[in-house]
Amino acid sequence: MVGGKWGAAAIAGGLAAAGAAAALLTLKGSSAKPGDPAKPTKLAHQPDGKDSSASFKNGIADENTVPDKA
């Protein structure tokens, strides 16, 4: 016997804790990453509305570029 009823409870509790840890690690792996290409990190536009995000992200100086607020 593994310590009576408390030994069985300790084993069951350990298995539950391991399952909870595995679930949290699974959720952590599925979250979005900061460098996710789905959303550019720096956005900008011209006064006439044209997109200037690519040049703004690459640091190309343009006096008409207006950064968007996040």
N, C-alpha and C. Protein backbone atom coordinates (compact mmCIF):
# COMPACT_ATOMS: atom_id res chain seq x y z
N MET A 1 0.84 -1.18 0.00
CA MET A 1 0.00 0.00 0.00
C MET A 1 0.89 1.25 0.00
N VAL A 2 0.42 2.32 -0.59
CA VAL A 2 1.20 3.55 -0.75
C VAL A 2 0.80 4.57 0.30
N GLY A 3 0.82 4.23 1.56
CA GLY A 3 0.52 5.20 2.61
C GLY A 3 -0.95 5.38 2.87
N GLY A 4 -1.77 4.45 2.53
CA GLY A 4 -3.20 4.55 2.82
C GLY A 4 -3.93 5.53 1.93
N LYS A 5 -5.01 6.13 2.49
CA LYS A 5 -5.83 7.04 1.69
C LYS A 5 -5.09 8.33 1.36
N TRP A 6 -4.15 8.78 2.21
CA TRP A 6 -3.42 10.02 1.94
C TRP A 6 -2.38 9.84 0.83
N GLY A 7 -1.85 8.64 0.72
CA GLY A 7 -0.89 8.38 -0.36
C GLY A 7 -1.58 8.45 -1.72
N ALA A 8 -2.78 7.89 -1.79
CA ALA A 8 -3.54 7.93 -3.04
C ALA A 8 -3.95 9.37 -3.37
N ALA A 9 -4.29 10.13 -2.33
CA ALA A 9 -4.67 11.53 -2.56
C ALA A 9 -3.47 12.35 -3.04
N ALA A 10 -2.29 12.05 -2.50
CA ALA A 10 -1.09 12.76 -2.93
C ALA A 10 -0.76 12.47 -4.39
N ILE A 11 -0.93 11.22 -4.79
CA ILE A 11 -0.68 10.85 -6.19
C ILE A 11 -1.68 11.54 -7.10
N ALA A 12 -2.95 11.53 -6.72
CA ALA A 12 -3.98 12.18 -7.54
C ALA A 12 -3.73 13.69 -7.63
N GLY A 13 -3.32 14.30 -6.53
CA GLY A 13 -3.02 15.73 -6.55
C GLY A 13 -1.83 16.05 -7.44
N GLY A 14 -0.82 15.20 -7.42
CA GLY A 14 0.34 15.40 -8.29
C GLY A 14 -0.02 15.28 -9.76
N LEU A 15 -0.87 14.32 -10.07
CA LEU A 15 -1.31 14.18 -11.47
C LEU A 15 -2.13 15.39 -11.92
N ALA A 16 -2.97 15.92 -11.03
CA ALA A 16 -3.77 17.09 -11.38
C ALA A 16 -2.87 18.31 -11.61
N ALA A 17 -1.85 18.47 -10.77
CA ALA A 17 -0.93 19.60 -10.93
C ALA A 17 -0.16 19.48 -12.23
N ALA A 18 0.26 18.27 -12.59
CA ALA A 18 0.99 18.07 -13.84
C ALA A 18 0.09 18.38 -15.04
N GLY A 19 -1.18 18.00 -14.96
CA GLY A 19 -2.12 18.30 -16.04
C GLY A 19 -2.36 19.79 -16.20
N ALA A 20 -2.45 20.50 -15.07
CA ALA A 20 -2.65 21.95 -15.13
C ALA A 20 -1.43 22.64 -15.72
N ALA A 21 -0.24 22.19 -15.35
CA ALA A 21 0.98 22.78 -15.91
C ALA A 21 1.07 22.54 -17.41
N ALA A 22 0.70 21.36 -17.85
CA ALA A 22 0.72 21.06 -19.29
C ALA A 22 -0.27 21.94 -20.04
N ALA A 23 -1.44 22.18 -19.46
CA ALA A 23 -2.44 23.04 -20.11
C ALA A 23 -1.94 24.48 -20.22
N LEU A 24 -1.28 24.98 -19.18
CA LEU A 24 -0.76 26.35 -19.24
C LEU A 24 0.35 26.48 -20.27
N LEU A 25 1.22 25.48 -20.38
CA LEU A 25 2.28 25.53 -21.37
C LEU A 25 1.72 25.47 -22.79
N THR A 26 0.64 24.75 -22.97
CA THR A 26 0.01 24.68 -24.29
C THR A 26 -0.57 26.04 -24.67
N LEU A 27 -1.20 26.71 -23.72
CA LEU A 27 -1.75 28.05 -24.00
C LEU A 27 -0.65 29.05 -24.28
N LYS A 28 0.46 28.97 -23.57
CA LYS A 28 1.56 29.90 -23.77
C LYS A 28 2.13 29.76 -25.17
N GLY A 29 2.23 28.54 -25.69
CA GLY A 29 2.78 28.31 -27.02
C GLY A 29 1.89 28.80 -28.14
N SER A 30 0.60 28.99 -27.87
CA SER A 30 -0.32 29.40 -28.93
C SER A 30 -0.56 30.90 -28.96
N SER A 31 0.04 31.67 -28.06
CA SER A 31 -0.18 33.11 -28.04
C SER A 31 0.63 33.80 -29.14
N ALA A 32 0.19 34.99 -29.51
CA ALA A 32 0.87 35.75 -30.56
C ALA A 32 2.24 36.21 -30.08
N LYS A 33 3.18 36.23 -30.96
CA LYS A 33 4.54 36.67 -30.65
C LYS A 33 4.69 38.15 -30.99
N PRO A 34 5.59 38.88 -30.34
CA PRO A 34 5.77 40.30 -30.65
C PRO A 34 6.20 40.56 -32.08
N GLY A 35 6.98 39.67 -32.68
CA GLY A 35 7.43 39.86 -34.05
C GLY A 35 6.52 39.19 -35.07
N ASP A 36 5.27 38.98 -34.72
CA ASP A 36 4.33 38.31 -35.61
C ASP A 36 4.11 39.16 -36.86
N PRO A 37 4.36 38.63 -38.06
CA PRO A 37 4.20 39.43 -39.28
C PRO A 37 2.75 39.76 -39.62
N ALA A 38 1.79 39.24 -38.87
CA ALA A 38 0.39 39.51 -39.16
C ALA A 38 0.05 40.99 -38.95
N LYS A 39 0.78 41.67 -38.05
CA LYS A 39 0.50 43.08 -37.78
C LYS A 39 1.82 43.84 -37.72
N PRO A 40 2.04 44.79 -38.61
CA PRO A 40 3.28 45.57 -38.56
C PRO A 40 3.36 46.36 -37.25
N THR A 41 4.58 46.51 -36.74
CA THR A 41 4.74 47.20 -35.46
C THR A 41 4.73 48.71 -35.62
N LYS A 42 5.20 49.23 -36.74
CA LYS A 42 5.22 50.68 -36.96
C LYS A 42 4.35 51.01 -38.16
N LEU A 43 3.39 51.89 -37.97
CA LEU A 43 2.50 52.30 -39.05
C LEU A 43 2.62 53.80 -39.26
N ALA A 44 2.53 54.21 -40.52
CA ALA A 44 2.60 55.64 -40.86
C ALA A 44 1.86 55.88 -42.17
N HIS A 45 1.54 57.14 -42.41
CA HIS A 45 0.85 57.52 -43.65
C HIS A 45 1.30 58.90 -44.10
N GLN A 46 0.94 59.23 -45.31
CA GLN A 46 1.19 60.56 -45.88
C GLN A 46 -0.03 61.44 -45.61
N PRO A 47 0.11 62.76 -45.69
CA PRO A 47 -1.05 63.64 -45.48
C PRO A 47 -2.22 63.35 -46.43
N ASP A 48 -1.89 62.83 -47.63
CA ASP A 48 -2.98 62.53 -48.57
C ASP A 48 -3.58 61.14 -48.34
N GLY A 49 -3.11 60.39 -47.32
CA GLY A 49 -3.69 59.10 -46.98
C GLY A 49 -2.93 57.89 -47.48
N LYS A 50 -1.90 58.08 -48.31
CA LYS A 50 -1.14 56.93 -48.81
C LYS A 50 -0.35 56.29 -47.68
N ASP A 51 -0.19 54.97 -47.77
CA ASP A 51 0.52 54.21 -46.73
C ASP A 51 2.03 54.43 -46.84
N SER A 52 2.66 54.77 -45.72
CA SER A 52 4.12 54.94 -45.67
C SER A 52 4.75 54.05 -44.61
N SER A 53 4.06 52.97 -44.24
CA SER A 53 4.53 52.12 -43.16
C SER A 53 5.87 51.47 -43.47
N ALA A 54 6.09 51.04 -44.70
CA ALA A 54 7.33 50.36 -45.05
C ALA A 54 8.54 51.28 -44.92
N SER A 55 8.44 52.50 -45.45
CA SER A 55 9.58 53.42 -45.34
C SER A 55 9.78 53.88 -43.90
N PHE A 56 8.71 54.06 -43.15
CA PHE A 56 8.82 54.47 -41.76
C PHE A 56 9.47 53.38 -40.91
N LYS A 57 9.09 52.13 -41.17
CA LYS A 57 9.66 50.99 -40.44
C LYS A 57 11.15 50.85 -40.74
N ASN A 58 11.58 51.14 -41.96
CA ASN A 58 12.97 51.01 -42.35
C ASN A 58 13.80 52.25 -42.03
N GLY A 59 13.18 53.28 -41.46
CA GLY A 59 13.92 54.46 -41.03
C GLY A 59 14.27 55.42 -42.15
N ILE A 60 13.56 55.36 -43.26
CA ILE A 60 13.81 56.27 -44.38
C ILE A 60 13.15 57.61 -44.06
N ALA A 61 13.96 58.67 -44.07
CA ALA A 61 13.47 59.99 -43.69
C ALA A 61 12.59 60.57 -44.79
N ASP A 62 11.42 61.02 -44.41
CA ASP A 62 10.49 61.69 -45.32
C ASP A 62 9.73 62.72 -44.50
N GLU A 63 9.85 63.97 -44.89
CA GLU A 63 9.25 65.03 -44.08
C GLU A 63 7.73 64.99 -44.03
N ASN A 64 7.10 64.29 -44.95
CA ASN A 64 5.65 64.23 -44.97
C ASN A 64 5.08 63.01 -44.25
N THR A 65 5.90 62.14 -43.71
CA THR A 65 5.41 60.94 -43.06
C THR A 65 4.80 61.28 -41.69
N VAL A 66 3.59 60.78 -41.47
CA VAL A 66 2.89 61.02 -40.21
C VAL A 66 2.72 59.66 -39.52
N PRO A 67 3.36 59.46 -38.35
CA PRO A 67 3.20 58.18 -37.63
C PRO A 67 1.78 58.03 -37.10
N ASP A 68 1.26 56.81 -37.22
CA ASP A 68 -0.05 56.49 -36.64
C ASP A 68 0.12 56.19 -35.16
N LYS A 69 -0.86 56.53 -34.36
CA LYS A 69 -0.84 56.22 -32.95
C LYS A 69 -1.40 54.82 -32.75
N ALA A 70 -0.75 54.06 -31.88
CA ALA A 70 -1.17 52.68 -31.62
C ALA A 70 -2.30 52.64 -30.63
